[in-house]
């Protein structure tokens, strides 16, 4: 199974109050970069350069993630960190990954412009 992250869609409900504008801007910019890397590299293999880029981006996104989605971004970051080591990845994404990705994408859509 390869990593995927649906691009945020318009019309999602607002999830919580936005954090400080600078933290929100850093989260939004990082999340947008993450979606771009995933979209550009849909068939990225475990341990590949694109996966390592995703980990680097997620490390920053996790640092600035608003409280409402911090744990969701953490789930995503943990998955991609595991995926960055082809020997550690067993081919099975965690069950909670899809829901975490959706909540983070919905938050992005509702709060990042």
PDB file of N, CA and C in Angstrom:
ATOM      1  N   UNK A   1       0.846  -1.180   0.000  1.00  0.00           N
ATOM      2  CA  UNK A   1       0.000   0.000   0.000  1.00  0.00           C
ATOM      3  C   UNK A   1       0.882   1.231   0.000  1.00  0.00           C
ATOM      4  N   UNK A   2       0.622   2.148  -0.904  1.00  0.00           N
ATOM      5  CA  UNK A   2       1.430   3.355  -0.979  1.00  0.00           C
ATOM      6  C   UNK A   2       0.766   4.466  -0.185  1.00  0.00           C
ATOM      7  N   UNK A   3       1.536   5.446   0.266  1.00  0.00           N
ATOM      8  CA  UNK A   3       0.950   6.544   1.022  1.00  0.00           C
ATOM      9  C   UNK A   3       0.082   7.408   0.128  1.00  0.00           C
ATOM     10  N   UNK A   4      -1.041   7.848   0.666  1.00  0.00           N
ATOM     11  CA  UNK A   4      -1.892   8.771  -0.073  1.00  0.00           C
ATOM     12  C   UNK A   4      -2.410   9.811   0.888  1.00  0.00           C
ATOM     13  N   UNK A   5      -2.768  10.927   0.356  1.00  0.00           N
ATOM     14  CA  UNK A   5      -3.387  11.984   1.144  1.00  0.00           C
ATOM     15  C   UNK A   5      -4.250  12.762   0.193  1.00  0.00           C
ATOM     16  N   UNK A   6      -5.553  12.675   0.375  1.00  0.00           N
ATOM     17  CA  UNK A   6      -6.439  13.394  -0.507  1.00  0.00           C
ATOM     18  C   UNK A   6      -6.178  14.880  -0.384  1.00  0.00           C
ATOM     19  N   UNK A   7      -6.191  15.553  -1.515  1.00  0.00           N
ATOM     20  CA  UNK A   7      -6.045  17.001  -1.483  1.00  0.00           C
ATOM     21  C   UNK A   7      -7.258  17.580  -0.770  1.00  0.00           C
ATOM     22  N   UNK A   8      -7.035  18.609   0.034  1.00  0.00           N
ATOM     23  CA  UNK A   8      -8.159  19.222   0.727  1.00  0.00           C
ATOM     24  C   UNK A   8      -9.205  19.710  -0.273  1.00  0.00           C
ATOM     25  N   UNK A   9     -10.454  19.625   0.125  1.00  0.00           N
ATOM     26  CA  UNK A   9     -11.530  20.058  -0.750  1.00  0.00           C
ATOM     27  C   UNK A   9     -12.247  21.244  -0.141  1.00  0.00           C
ATOM     28  N   UNK A  10     -12.813  22.060  -1.009  1.00  0.00           N
ATOM     29  CA  UNK A  10     -13.553  23.229  -0.528  1.00  0.00           C
ATOM     30  C   UNK A  10     -14.872  22.788   0.078  1.00  0.00           C
ATOM     31  N   UNK A  11     -15.394  23.600   0.979  1.00  0.00           N
ATOM     32  CA  UNK A  11     -16.696  23.338   1.542  1.00  0.00           C
ATOM     33  C   UNK A  11     -16.692  22.522   2.821  1.00  0.00           C
ATOM     34  N   UNK A  12     -15.536  22.199   3.359  1.00  0.00           N
ATOM     35  CA  UNK A  12     -15.486  21.459   4.614  1.00  0.00           C
ATOM     36  C   UNK A  12     -15.822  22.399   5.765  1.00  0.00           C
ATOM     37  N   UNK A  13     -16.416  21.897   6.825  1.00  0.00           N
ATOM     38  CA  UNK A  13     -16.755  22.758   7.958  1.00  0.00           C
ATOM     39  C   UNK A  13     -15.491  23.220   8.698  1.00  0.00           C
ATOM     40  N   UNK A  14     -15.586  24.360   9.327  1.00  0.00           N
ATOM     41  CA  UNK A  14     -14.483  24.853  10.144  1.00  0.00           C
ATOM     42  C   UNK A  14     -14.350  23.972  11.367  1.00  0.00           C
ATOM     43  N   UNK A  15     -13.143  23.561  11.668  1.00  0.00           N
ATOM     44  CA  UNK A  15     -12.892  22.683  12.808  1.00  0.00           C
ATOM     45  C   UNK A  15     -12.111  23.442  13.858  1.00  0.00           C
ATOM     46  N   UNK A  16     -12.768  24.033  14.811  1.00  0.00           N
ATOM     47  CA  UNK A  16     -12.079  24.726  15.893  1.00  0.00           C
ATOM     48  C   UNK A  16     -11.645  26.122  15.522  1.00  0.00           C
ATOM     49  N   UNK A  17     -11.018  26.797  16.464  1.00  0.00           N
ATOM     50  CA  UNK A  17     -10.536  28.154  16.267  1.00  0.00           C
ATOM     51  C   UNK A  17      -9.121  28.122  15.735  1.00  0.00           C
ATOM     52  N   UNK A  18      -8.808  29.030  14.821  1.00  0.00           N
ATOM     53  CA  UNK A  18      -7.451  29.037  14.308  1.00  0.00           C
ATOM     54  C   UNK A  18      -6.444  29.464  15.366  1.00  0.00           C
ATOM     55  N   UNK A  19      -5.233  28.904  15.342  1.00  0.00           N
ATOM     56  CA  UNK A  19      -4.183  29.307  16.265  1.00  0.00           C
ATOM     57  C   UNK A  19      -3.630  30.666  15.842  1.00  0.00           C
ATOM     58  N   UNK A  20      -2.548  31.098  16.473  1.00  0.00           N
ATOM     59  CA  UNK A  20      -1.956  32.379  16.107  1.00  0.00           C
ATOM     60  C   UNK A  20      -1.674  32.387  14.610  1.00  0.00           C
ATOM     61  N   UNK A  21      -1.740  33.571  14.017  1.00  0.00           N
ATOM     62  CA  UNK A  21      -1.614  33.648  12.561  1.00  0.00           C
ATOM     63  C   UNK A  21      -0.274  33.139  12.056  1.00  0.00           C
ATOM     64  N   UNK A  22       0.810  33.352  12.806  1.00  0.00           N
ATOM     65  CA  UNK A  22       2.107  32.865  12.326  1.00  0.00           C
ATOM     66  C   UNK A  22       2.186  31.345  12.387  1.00  0.00           C
ATOM     67  N   UNK A  23       1.703  30.734  13.465  1.00  0.00           N
ATOM     68  CA  UNK A  23       1.691  29.267  13.546  1.00  0.00           C
ATOM     69  C   UNK A  23       0.768  28.680  12.495  1.00  0.00           C
ATOM     70  N   UNK A  24      -0.377  29.312  12.303  1.00  0.00           N
ATOM     71  CA  UNK A  24      -1.318  28.829  11.300  1.00  0.00           C
ATOM     72  C   UNK A  24      -0.696  28.922   9.907  1.00  0.00           C
ATOM     73  N   UNK A  25      -0.019  30.018   9.621  1.00  0.00           N
ATOM     74  CA  UNK A  25       0.615  30.177   8.312  1.00  0.00           C
ATOM     75  C   UNK A  25       1.674  29.095   8.086  1.00  0.00           C
ATOM     76  N   UNK A  26       2.447  28.777   9.115  1.00  0.00           N
ATOM     77  CA  UNK A  26       3.475  27.741   8.990  1.00  0.00           C
ATOM     78  C   UNK A  26       2.839  26.366   8.791  1.00  0.00           C
ATOM     79  N   UNK A  27       1.774  26.089   9.532  1.00  0.00           N
ATOM     80  CA  UNK A  27       1.043  24.834   9.350  1.00  0.00           C
ATOM     81  C   UNK A  27       0.488  24.757   7.929  1.00  0.00           C
ATOM     82  N   UNK A  28      -0.180  25.816   7.498  1.00  0.00           N
ATOM     83  CA  UNK A  28      -0.820  25.828   6.177  1.00  0.00           C
ATOM     84  C   UNK A  28       0.196  25.655   5.055  1.00  0.00           C
ATOM     85  N   UNK A  29       1.289  26.395   5.137  1.00  0.00           N
ATOM     86  CA  UNK A  29       2.323  26.288   4.112  1.00  0.00           C
ATOM     87  C   UNK A  29       2.932  24.900   4.060  1.00  0.00           C
ATOM     88  N   UNK A  30       3.196  24.334   5.229  1.00  0.00           N
ATOM     89  CA  UNK A  30       3.767  22.995   5.289  1.00  0.00           C
ATOM     90  C   UNK A  30       2.810  21.941   4.771  1.00  0.00           C
ATOM     91  N   UNK A  31       1.548  22.046   5.158  1.00  0.00           N
ATOM     92  CA  UNK A  31       0.564  21.059   4.714  1.00  0.00           C
ATOM     93  C   UNK A  31       0.391  21.119   3.204  1.00  0.00           C
ATOM     94  N   UNK A  32       0.370  22.338   2.666  1.00  0.00           N
ATOM     95  CA  UNK A  32       0.270  22.510   1.216  1.00  0.00           C
ATOM     96  C   UNK A  32       1.468  21.854   0.520  1.00  0.00           C
ATOM     97  N   UNK A  33       2.662  22.039   1.075  1.00  0.00           N
ATOM     98  CA  UNK A  33       3.867  21.410   0.510  1.00  0.00           C
ATOM     99  C   UNK A  33       3.767  19.895   0.562  1.00  0.00           C
ATOM    100  N   UNK A  34       3.261  19.376   1.671  1.00  0.00           N
ATOM    101  CA  UNK A  34       3.096  17.928   1.819  1.00  0.00           C
ATOM    102  C   UNK A  34       2.175  17.379   0.740  1.00  0.00           C
ATOM    103  N   UNK A  35       1.029  18.014   0.559  1.00  0.00           N
ATOM    104  CA  UNK A  35       0.072  17.567  -0.458  1.00  0.00           C
ATOM    105  C   UNK A  35       0.727  17.606  -1.835  1.00  0.00           C
ATOM    106  N   UNK A  36       1.509  18.637  -2.099  1.00  0.00           N
ATOM    107  CA  UNK A  36       2.187  18.765  -3.383  1.00  0.00           C
ATOM    108  C   UNK A  36       3.173  17.609  -3.613  1.00  0.00           C
ATOM    109  N   UNK A  37       3.968  17.275  -2.603  1.00  0.00           N
ATOM    110  CA  UNK A  37       4.940  16.177  -2.745  1.00  0.00           C
ATOM    111  C   UNK A  37       4.209  14.854  -2.950  1.00  0.00           C
ATOM    112  N   UNK A  38       3.137  14.635  -2.218  1.00  0.00           N
ATOM    113  CA  UNK A  38       2.384  13.387  -2.353  1.00  0.00           C
ATOM    114  C   UNK A  38       1.737  13.302  -3.735  1.00  0.00           C
ATOM    115  N   UNK A  39       1.165  14.409  -4.197  1.00  0.00           N
ATOM    116  CA  UNK A  39       0.508  14.441  -5.499  1.00  0.00           C
ATOM    117  C   UNK A  39       1.511  14.239  -6.632  1.00  0.00           C
ATOM    118  N   UNK A  40       2.684  14.825  -6.489  1.00  0.00           N
ATOM    119  CA  UNK A  40       3.722  14.728  -7.508  1.00  0.00           C
ATOM    120  C   UNK A  40       4.363  13.341  -7.543  1.00  0.00           C
ATOM    121  N   UNK A  41       4.339  12.647  -6.414  1.00  0.00           N
ATOM    122  CA  UNK A  41       4.997  11.334  -6.295  1.00  0.00           C
ATOM    123  C   UNK A  41       4.024  10.272  -5.797  1.00  0.00           C
ATOM    124  N   UNK A  42       2.957  10.002  -6.531  1.00  0.00           N
ATOM    125  CA  UNK A  42       1.939   9.073  -6.019  1.00  0.00           C
ATOM    126  C   UNK A  42       2.428   7.645  -5.817  1.00  0.00           C
ATOM    127  N   UNK A  43       3.493   7.272  -6.496  1.00  0.00           N
ATOM    128  CA  UNK A  43       4.007   5.902  -6.386  1.00  0.00           C
ATOM    129  C   UNK A  43       5.325   5.840  -5.624  1.00  0.00           C
ATOM    130  N   UNK A  44       5.540   6.792  -4.714  1.00  0.00           N
ATOM    131  CA  UNK A  44       6.788   6.824  -3.941  1.00  0.00           C
ATOM    132  C   UNK A  44       6.963   5.517  -3.169  1.00  0.00           C
ATOM    133  N   UNK A  45       8.125   4.968  -3.271  1.00  0.00           N
ATOM    134  CA  UNK A  45       8.442   3.698  -2.609  1.00  0.00           C
ATOM    135  C   UNK A  45       9.000   3.950  -1.210  1.00  0.00           C
ATOM    136  N   UNK A  46       8.793   3.015  -0.281  1.00  0.00           N
ATOM    137  CA  UNK A  46       9.379   3.165   1.052  1.00  0.00           C
ATOM    138  C   UNK A  46      10.884   3.429   0.959  1.00  0.00           C
ATOM    139  N   UNK A  47      11.343   4.401   1.720  1.00  0.00           N
ATOM    140  CA  UNK A  47      12.753   4.739   1.761  1.00  0.00           C
ATOM    141  C   UNK A  47      13.222   5.666   0.654  1.00  0.00           C
ATOM    142  N   UNK A  48      12.337   6.031  -0.272  1.00  0.00           N
ATOM    143  CA  UNK A  48      12.729   6.874  -1.400  1.00  0.00           C
ATOM    144  C   UNK A  48      12.879   8.339  -0.974  1.00  0.00           C
ATOM    145  N   UNK A  49      13.496   9.116  -1.851  1.00  0.00           N
ATOM    146  CA  UNK A  49      13.685  10.543  -1.591  1.00  0.00           C
ATOM    147  C   UNK A  49      12.382  11.281  -1.328  1.00  0.00           C
ATOM    148  N   UNK A  50      11.331  11.050  -2.148  1.00  0.00           N
ATOM    149  CA  UNK A  50      10.067  11.744  -1.872  1.00  0.00           C
ATOM    150  C   UNK A  50       9.492  11.415  -0.491  1.00  0.00           C
ATOM    151  N   UNK A  51       9.611  10.160  -0.069  1.00  0.00           N
ATOM    152  CA  UNK A  51       9.099   9.791   1.258  1.00  0.00           C
ATOM    153  C   UNK A  51       9.912  10.510   2.336  1.00  0.00           C
ATOM    154  N   UNK A  52      11.211  10.587   2.158  1.00  0.00           N
ATOM    155  CA  UNK A  52      12.044  11.305   3.131  1.00  0.00           C
ATOM    156  C   UNK A  52      11.710  12.790   3.147  1.00  0.00           C
ATOM    157  N   UNK A  53      11.358  13.357   1.987  1.00  0.00           N
ATOM    158  CA  UNK A  53      10.905  14.753   1.936  1.00  0.00           C
ATOM    159  C   UNK A  53       9.602  14.922   2.711  1.00  0.00           C
ATOM    160  N   UNK A  54       8.698  13.963   2.568  1.00  0.00           N
ATOM    161  CA  UNK A  54       7.428  14.015   3.295  1.00  0.00           C
ATOM    162  C   UNK A  54       7.671  14.016   4.804  1.00  0.00           C
ATOM    163  N   UNK A  55       8.620  13.206   5.248  1.00  0.00           N
ATOM    164  CA  UNK A  55       8.952  13.144   6.677  1.00  0.00           C
ATOM    165  C   UNK A  55       9.473  14.496   7.146  1.00  0.00           C
ATOM    166  N   UNK A  56      10.367  15.086   6.384  1.00  0.00           N
ATOM    167  CA  UNK A  56      10.932  16.378   6.747  1.00  0.00           C
ATOM    168  C   UNK A  56       9.838  17.447   6.838  1.00  0.00           C
ATOM    169  N   UNK A  57       8.957  17.458   5.858  1.00  0.00           N
ATOM    170  CA  UNK A  57       7.846  18.425   5.860  1.00  0.00           C
ATOM    171  C   UNK A  57       6.938  18.162   7.053  1.00  0.00           C
ATOM    172  N   UNK A  58       6.591  16.895   7.289  1.00  0.00           N
ATOM    173  CA  UNK A  58       5.690  16.568   8.391  1.00  0.00           C
ATOM    174  C   UNK A  58       6.286  16.909   9.753  1.00  0.00           C
ATOM    175  N   UNK A  59       7.602  16.811   9.894  1.00  0.00           N
ATOM    176  CA  UNK A  59       8.227  17.211  11.153  1.00  0.00           C
ATOM    177  C   UNK A  59       7.905  18.667  11.469  1.00  0.00           C
ATOM    178  N   UNK A  60       7.952  19.518  10.452  1.00  0.00           N
ATOM    179  CA  UNK A  60       7.620  20.937  10.653  1.00  0.00           C
ATOM    180  C   UNK A  60       6.120  21.152  10.817  1.00  0.00           C
ATOM    181  N   UNK A  61       5.327  20.464  10.002  1.00  0.00           N
ATOM    182  CA  UNK A  61       3.875  20.603  10.109  1.00  0.00           C
ATOM    183  C   UNK A  61       3.421  20.178  11.510  1.00  0.00           C
ATOM    184  N   UNK A  62       3.983  19.096  12.005  1.00  0.00           N
ATOM    185  CA  UNK A  62       3.617  18.603  13.341  1.00  0.00           C
ATOM    186  C   UNK A  62       3.969  19.640  14.411  1.00  0.00           C
ATOM    187  N   UNK A  63       5.100  20.280  14.252  1.00  0.00           N
ATOM    188  CA  UNK A  63       5.535  21.286  15.228  1.00  0.00           C
ATOM    189  C   UNK A  63       4.560  22.456  15.313  1.00  0.00           C
ATOM    190  N   UNK A  64       3.973  22.845  14.197  1.00  0.00           N
ATOM    191  CA  UNK A  64       3.091  24.009  14.166  1.00  0.00           C
ATOM    192  C   UNK A  64       1.614  23.657  14.050  1.00  0.00           C
ATOM    193  N   UNK A  65       1.287  22.379  14.112  1.00  0.00           N
ATOM    194  CA  UNK A  65      -0.107  21.962  13.973  1.00  0.00           C
ATOM    195  C   UNK A  65      -0.957  22.507  15.109  1.00  0.00           C
ATOM    196  N   UNK A  66      -2.127  23.014  14.771  1.00  0.00           N
ATOM    197  CA  UNK A  66      -3.059  23.472  15.803  1.00  0.00           C
ATOM    198  C   UNK A  66      -3.508  22.309  16.683  1.00  0.00           C
ATOM    199  N   UNK A  67      -3.895  22.622  17.877  1.00  0.00           N
ATOM    200  CA  UNK A  67      -4.306  21.603  18.847  1.00  0.00           C
ATOM    201  C   UNK A  67      -5.378  20.670  18.285  1.00  0.00           C
ATOM    202  N   UNK A  68      -6.280  21.218  17.472  1.00  0.00           N
ATOM    203  CA  UNK A  68      -7.389  20.427  16.935  1.00  0.00           C
ATOM    204  C   UNK A  68      -6.927  19.262  16.066  1.00  0.00           C
ATOM    205  N   UNK A  69      -5.768  19.379  15.445  1.00  0.00           N
ATOM    206  CA  UNK A  69      -5.303  18.322  14.546  1.00  0.00           C
ATOM    207  C   UNK A  69      -3.884  17.846  14.863  1.00  0.00           C
ATOM    208  N   UNK A  70      -3.341  18.282  15.986  1.00  0.00           N
ATOM    209  CA  UNK A  70      -1.959  17.910  16.332  1.00  0.00           C
ATOM    210  C   UNK A  70      -1.783  16.394  16.412  1.00  0.00           C
ATOM    211  N   UNK A  71      -2.705  15.706  17.064  1.00  0.00           N
ATOM    212  CA  UNK A  71      -2.564  14.251  17.167  1.00  0.00           C
ATOM    213  C   UNK A  71      -2.732  13.585  15.798  1.00  0.00           C
ATOM    214  N   UNK A  72      -3.590  14.136  14.947  1.00  0.00           N
ATOM    215  CA  UNK A  72      -3.772  13.586  13.600  1.00  0.00           C
ATOM    216  C   UNK A  72      -2.493  13.731  12.776  1.00  0.00           C
ATOM    217  N   UNK A  73      -1.883  14.902  12.850  1.00  0.00           N
ATOM    218  CA  UNK A  73      -0.619  15.116  12.133  1.00  0.00           C
ATOM    219  C   UNK A  73       0.458  14.195  12.718  1.00  0.00           C
ATOM    220  N   UNK A  74       0.408  13.959  14.020  1.00  0.00           N
ATOM    221  CA  UNK A  74       1.348  13.033  14.653  1.00  0.00           C
ATOM    222  C   UNK A  74       1.204  11.618  14.110  1.00  0.00           C
ATOM    223  N   UNK A  75      -0.025  11.172  13.898  1.00  0.00           N
ATOM    224  CA  UNK A  75      -0.275   9.848  13.320  1.00  0.00           C
ATOM    225  C   UNK A  75       0.315   9.780  11.912  1.00  0.00           C
ATOM    226  N   UNK A  76       0.089  10.832  11.140  1.00  0.00           N
ATOM    227  CA  UNK A  76       0.630  10.878   9.779  1.00  0.00           C
ATOM    228  C   UNK A  76       2.164  10.870   9.807  1.00  0.00           C
ATOM    229  N   UNK A  77       2.747  11.680  10.687  1.00  0.00           N
ATOM    230  CA  UNK A  77       4.209  11.774  10.777  1.00  0.00           C
ATOM    231  C   UNK A  77       4.818  10.427  11.166  1.00  0.00           C
ATOM    232  N   UNK A  78       4.211   9.762  12.128  1.00  0.00           N
ATOM    233  CA  UNK A  78       4.714   8.457  12.557  1.00  0.00           C
ATOM    234  C   UNK A  78       4.673   7.457  11.406  1.00  0.00           C
ATOM    235  N   UNK A  79       3.591   7.460  10.652  1.00  0.00           N
ATOM    236  CA  UNK A  79       3.472   6.560   9.503  1.00  0.00           C
ATOM    237  C   UNK A  79       4.574   6.822   8.476  1.00  0.00           C
ATOM    238  N   UNK A  80       4.752   8.093   8.112  1.00  0.00           N
ATOM    239  CA  UNK A  80       5.746   8.405   7.092  1.00  0.00           C
ATOM    240  C   UNK A  80       7.179   8.196   7.592  1.00  0.00           C
ATOM    241  N   UNK A  81       7.408   8.381   8.900  1.00  0.00           N
ATOM    242  CA  UNK A  81       8.737   8.062   9.447  1.00  0.00           C
ATOM    243  C   UNK A  81       9.019   6.569   9.295  1.00  0.00           C
ATOM    244  N   UNK A  82       8.023   5.738   9.591  1.00  0.00           N
ATOM    245  CA  UNK A  82       8.180   4.292   9.423  1.00  0.00           C
ATOM    246  C   UNK A  82       8.384   3.959   7.949  1.00  0.00           C
ATOM    247  N   UNK A  83       7.632   4.621   7.086  1.00  0.00           N
ATOM    248  CA  UNK A  83       7.723   4.379   5.648  1.00  0.00           C
ATOM    249  C   UNK A  83       9.081   4.803   5.089  1.00  0.00           C
ATOM    250  N   UNK A  84       9.751   5.727   5.764  1.00  0.00           N
ATOM    251  CA  UNK A  84      11.052   6.186   5.261  1.00  0.00           C
ATOM    252  C   UNK A  84      12.145   5.130   5.427  1.00  0.00           C
ATOM    253  N   UNK A  85      11.878   4.126   6.247  1.00  0.00           N
ATOM    254  CA  UNK A  85      12.835   3.017   6.413  1.00  0.00           C
ATOM    255  C   UNK A  85      12.217   1.764   5.796  1.00  0.00           C
ATOM    256  N   UNK A  86      12.664   1.383   4.603  1.00  0.00           N
ATOM    257  CA  UNK A  86      12.036   0.241   3.942  1.00  0.00           C
ATOM    258  C   UNK A  86      12.134  -1.054   4.739  1.00  0.00           C
ATOM    259  N   UNK A  87      13.108  -1.149   5.636  1.00  0.00           N
ATOM    260  CA  UNK A  87      13.237  -2.365   6.452  1.00  0.00           C
ATOM    261  C   UNK A  87      12.255  -2.384   7.613  1.00  0.00           C
ATOM    262  N   UNK A  88      11.779  -1.223   8.027  1.00  0.00           N
ATOM    263  CA  UNK A  88      10.858  -1.142   9.162  1.00  0.00           C
ATOM    264  C   UNK A  88       9.396  -1.188   8.724  1.00  0.00           C
ATOM    265  N   UNK A  89       9.132  -0.846   7.475  1.00  0.00           N
ATOM    266  CA  UNK A  89       7.752  -0.774   6.993  1.00  0.00           C
ATOM    267  C   UNK A  89       7.262  -2.158   6.609  1.00  0.00           C
ATOM    268  N   UNK A  90       6.143  -2.577   7.224  1.00  0.00           N
ATOM    269  CA  UNK A  90       5.620  -3.918   6.953  1.00  0.00           C
ATOM    270  C   UNK A  90       4.564  -3.937   5.854  1.00  0.00           C
ATOM    271  N   UNK A  91       4.310  -2.788   5.226  1.00  0.00           N
ATOM    272  CA  UNK A  91       3.350  -2.722   4.134  1.00  0.00           C
ATOM    273  C   UNK A  91       1.929  -2.438   4.553  1.00  0.00           C
ATOM    274  N   UNK A  92       1.700  -2.304   5.842  1.00  0.00           N
ATOM    275  CA  UNK A  92       0.354  -2.078   6.343  1.00  0.00           C
ATOM    276  C   UNK A  92       0.263  -0.729   7.057  1.00  0.00           C
ATOM    277  N   UNK A  93      -0.474   0.226   6.476  1.00  0.00           N
ATOM    278  CA  UNK A  93      -0.653   1.493   7.184  1.00  0.00           C
ATOM    279  C   UNK A  93      -1.551   1.299   8.405  1.00  0.00           C
ATOM    280  N   UNK A  94      -1.363   2.104   9.444  1.00  0.00           N
ATOM    281  CA  UNK A  94      -2.207   1.961  10.634  1.00  0.00           C
ATOM    282  C   UNK A  94      -3.671   2.276  10.312  1.00  0.00           C
ATOM    283  N   UNK A  95      -4.559   1.612  11.005  1.00  0.00           N
ATOM    284  CA  UNK A  95      -5.993   1.767  10.757  1.00  0.00           C
ATOM    285  C   UNK A  95      -6.462   3.211  10.895  1.00  0.00           C
ATOM    286  N   UNK A  96      -5.875   3.954  11.815  1.00  0.00           N
ATOM    287  CA  UNK A  96      -6.340   5.318  12.075  1.00  0.00           C
ATOM    288  C   UNK A  96      -5.790   6.348  11.089  1.00  0.00           C
ATOM    289  N   UNK A  97      -4.922   5.941  10.156  1.00  0.00           N
ATOM    290  CA  UNK A  97      -4.282   6.878   9.242  1.00  0.00           C
ATOM    291  C   UNK A  97      -5.280   7.608   8.349  1.00  0.00           C
ATOM    292  N   UNK A  98      -6.196   6.899   7.732  1.00  0.00           N
ATOM    293  CA  UNK A  98      -7.149   7.523   6.810  1.00  0.00           C
ATOM    294  C   UNK A  98      -7.979   8.591   7.506  1.00  0.00           C
ATOM    295  N   UNK A  99      -8.485   8.293   8.696  1.00  0.00           N
ATOM    296  CA  UNK A  99      -9.285   9.273   9.438  1.00  0.00           C
ATOM    297  C   UNK A  99      -8.439  10.476   9.842  1.00  0.00           C
ATOM    298  N   UNK A 100      -7.191  10.234  10.246  1.00  0.00           N
ATOM    299  CA  UNK A 100      -6.298  11.336  10.633  1.00  0.00           C
ATOM    300  C   UNK A 100      -6.019  12.232   9.435  1.00  0.00           C
ATOM    301  N   UNK A 101      -5.770  11.642   8.274  1.00  0.00           N
ATOM    302  CA  UNK A 101      -5.532  12.422   7.063  1.00  0.00           C
ATOM    303  C   UNK A 101      -6.747  13.266   6.710  1.00  0.00           C
ATOM    304  N   UNK A 102      -7.915  12.690   6.842  1.00  0.00           N
ATOM    305  CA  UNK A 102      -9.144  13.423   6.506  1.00  0.00           C
ATOM    306  C   UNK A 102      -9.350  14.601   7.447  1.00  0.00           C
ATOM    307  N   UNK A 103      -9.165  14.386   8.747  1.00  0.00           N
ATOM    308  CA  UNK A 103      -9.354  15.487   9.705  1.00  0.00           C
ATOM    309  C   UNK A 103      -8.350  16.608   9.453  1.00  0.00           C
ATOM    310  N   UNK A 104      -7.093  16.253   9.181  1.00  0.00           N
ATOM    311  CA  UNK A 104      -6.077  17.273   8.911  1.00  0.00           C
ATOM    312  C   UNK A 104      -6.397  18.021   7.617  1.00  0.00           C
ATOM    313  N   UNK A 105      -6.814  17.300   6.586  1.00  0.00           N
ATOM    314  CA  UNK A 105      -7.174  17.937   5.316  1.00  0.00           C
ATOM    315  C   UNK A 105      -8.395  18.830   5.472  1.00  0.00           C
ATOM    316  N   UNK A 106      -9.379  18.382   6.242  1.00  0.00           N
ATOM    317  CA  UNK A 106     -10.571  19.213   6.493  1.00  0.00           C
ATOM    318  C   UNK A 106     -10.200  20.485   7.242  1.00  0.00           C
ATOM    319  N   UNK A 107      -9.318  20.363   8.226  1.00  0.00           N
ATOM    320  CA  UNK A 107      -8.877  21.550   8.969  1.00  0.00           C
ATOM    321  C   UNK A 107      -8.157  22.508   8.027  1.00  0.00           C
ATOM    322  N   UNK A 108      -7.275  21.969   7.198  1.00  0.00           N
ATOM    323  CA  UNK A 108      -6.553  22.794   6.228  1.00  0.00           C
ATOM    324  C   UNK A 108      -7.542  23.547   5.330  1.00  0.00           C
ATOM    325  N   UNK A 109      -8.510  22.833   4.787  1.00  0.00           N
ATOM    326  CA  UNK A 109      -9.485  23.433   3.892  1.00  0.00           C
ATOM    327  C   UNK A 109     -10.275  24.545   4.570  1.00  0.00           C
ATOM    328  N   UNK A 110     -10.644  24.328   5.802  1.00  0.00           N
ATOM    329  CA  UNK A 110     -11.472  25.287   6.520  1.00  0.00           C
ATOM    330  C   UNK A 110     -10.688  26.503   7.026  1.00  0.00           C
ATOM    331  N   UNK A 111      -9.383  26.364   7.267  1.00  0.00           N
ATOM    332  CA  UNK A 111      -8.638  27.424   7.943  1.00  0.00           C
ATOM    333  C   UNK A 111      -7.467  28.010   7.171  1.00  0.00           C
ATOM    334  N   UNK A 112      -7.090  27.400   6.078  1.00  0.00           N
ATOM    335  CA  UNK A 112      -5.936  27.878   5.304  1.00  0.00           C
ATOM    336  C   UNK A 112      -6.427  28.427   3.976  1.00  0.00           C
ATOM    337  N   UNK A 113      -6.068  29.636   3.698  1.00  0.00           N
ATOM    338  CA  UNK A 113      -6.530  30.262   2.457  1.00  0.00           C
ATOM    339  C   UNK A 113      -5.355  30.723   1.648  1.00  0.00           C
TER     340      UNK A 113
END
